Amino acid sequence: MDAIGISILSGAHNTIVPRICELLRQQGLADVLLIVGGIVPDEDIPALKQAGVAEIFQPGATTQQIVEFIRGHVRQSA
C-alpha cells in the first residue's frame, strides 16, 4: 500500500485522523502516504500534520493538485 486518502466532512477529523495515524504506525505502515480532504479548519492543520498526515486538501483543491501531490510523494514501483 502506497497511499491512503480520507475525505472528512463531519468535523471529526481531530478524532478520526490521529487514530488512523496511530493504527498505521502500530501495523508498521508509517511510510504510507496519508492525505486528508474535506472541511478542515486552518487551525487544525498543524496538529494533523504532526500526527502524520502528509497533506490536507481543503475545499477548492483540484483533482490535479491532489494527483500531482501523490505522484510527487509516493515511491515509484521498480
Protein backbone atom coordinates (compact mmCIF):
# COMPACT_ATOMS: atom_id res chain seq x y z
CA MET A 1 0.00 0.00 0.00
CA ASP A 2 1.44 3.34 -1.03
CA ALA A 3 -1.20 5.91 -0.09
CA ILE A 4 -4.45 6.40 1.76
CA GLY A 5 -6.82 9.27 1.10
CA ILE A 6 -9.54 10.19 3.56
CA SER A 7 -12.37 12.61 2.97
CA ILE A 8 -13.94 14.02 6.10
CA LEU A 9 -16.90 16.36 6.06
CA SER A 10 -18.23 15.56 9.53
CA GLY A 11 -15.85 17.68 11.57
CA ALA A 12 -14.49 14.58 13.32
CA HIS A 13 -11.03 14.92 11.75
CA ASN A 14 -9.32 15.66 15.09
CA THR A 15 -10.54 12.31 16.44
CA ILE A 16 -10.51 10.04 13.41
CA VAL A 17 -7.30 11.06 11.65
CA PRO A 18 -4.90 10.81 14.63
CA ARG A 19 -6.34 7.36 15.35
CA ILE A 20 -5.72 6.26 11.77
CA CYS A 21 -2.14 7.54 12.03
CA GLU A 22 -1.67 5.61 15.26
CA LEU A 23 -3.04 2.41 13.73
CA LEU A 24 -0.79 2.77 10.68
CA ARG A 25 2.26 3.09 12.96
CA GLN A 26 1.17 0.07 15.02
CA GLN A 27 0.92 -2.01 11.86
CA GLY A 28 4.36 -0.92 10.63
CA LEU A 29 2.85 1.24 7.90
CA ALA A 30 4.18 4.63 8.97
CA ASP A 31 5.65 5.10 5.48
CA VAL A 32 2.20 5.01 3.83
CA LEU A 33 1.31 8.46 2.48
CA LEU A 34 -1.81 9.71 4.27
CA ILE A 35 -3.73 12.61 2.75
CA VAL A 36 -6.93 14.18 4.00
CA GLY A 37 -9.55 16.17 2.18
CA GLY A 38 -12.65 17.97 3.30
CA ILE A 39 -13.69 20.55 5.81
CA VAL A 40 -10.60 21.04 7.97
CA PRO A 41 -10.10 24.46 9.60
CA ASP A 42 -6.69 26.06 9.11
CA GLU A 43 -6.02 25.99 12.85
CA ASP A 44 -6.35 22.18 12.93
CA ILE A 45 -3.83 21.51 10.16
CA PRO A 46 -0.55 21.72 12.15
CA ALA A 47 -1.68 19.09 14.70
CA LEU A 48 -2.89 16.75 11.97
CA LYS A 49 0.40 17.06 10.10
CA GLN A 50 2.31 16.45 13.33
CA ALA A 51 0.21 13.30 13.83
CA GLY A 52 1.40 12.01 10.44
CA VAL A 53 -0.77 13.47 7.70
CA ALA A 54 1.29 14.31 4.62
CA GLU A 55 -1.10 16.91 3.22
CA ILE A 56 -4.58 18.31 3.70
CA PHE A 57 -6.68 19.39 0.74
CA GLN A 58 -9.40 21.84 1.68
CA PRO A 59 -12.42 22.82 -0.41
CA GLY A 60 -11.27 24.29 -3.70
CA ALA A 61 -8.36 21.92 -4.18
CA THR A 62 -8.42 20.45 -7.66
CA THR A 63 -8.10 16.81 -8.54
CA GLN A 64 -4.97 17.76 -10.49
CA GLN A 65 -3.35 19.24 -7.35
CA ILE A 66 -4.09 16.06 -5.42
CA VAL A 67 -2.80 13.79 -8.18
CA GLU A 68 0.40 15.83 -8.53
CA PHE A 69 0.99 15.67 -4.78
CA ILE A 70 0.54 11.91 -4.71
CA ARG A 71 2.78 11.40 -7.75
CA GLY A 72 5.43 13.58 -6.18
CA HIS A 73 5.40 11.80 -2.83
CA VAL A 74 4.72 8.13 -3.48
CA ARG A 75 7.66 5.88 -4.23
CA GLN A 76 7.72 4.71 -7.83
CA SER A 77 7.48 0.96 -8.35
CA ALA A 78 10.52 -0.66 -9.91
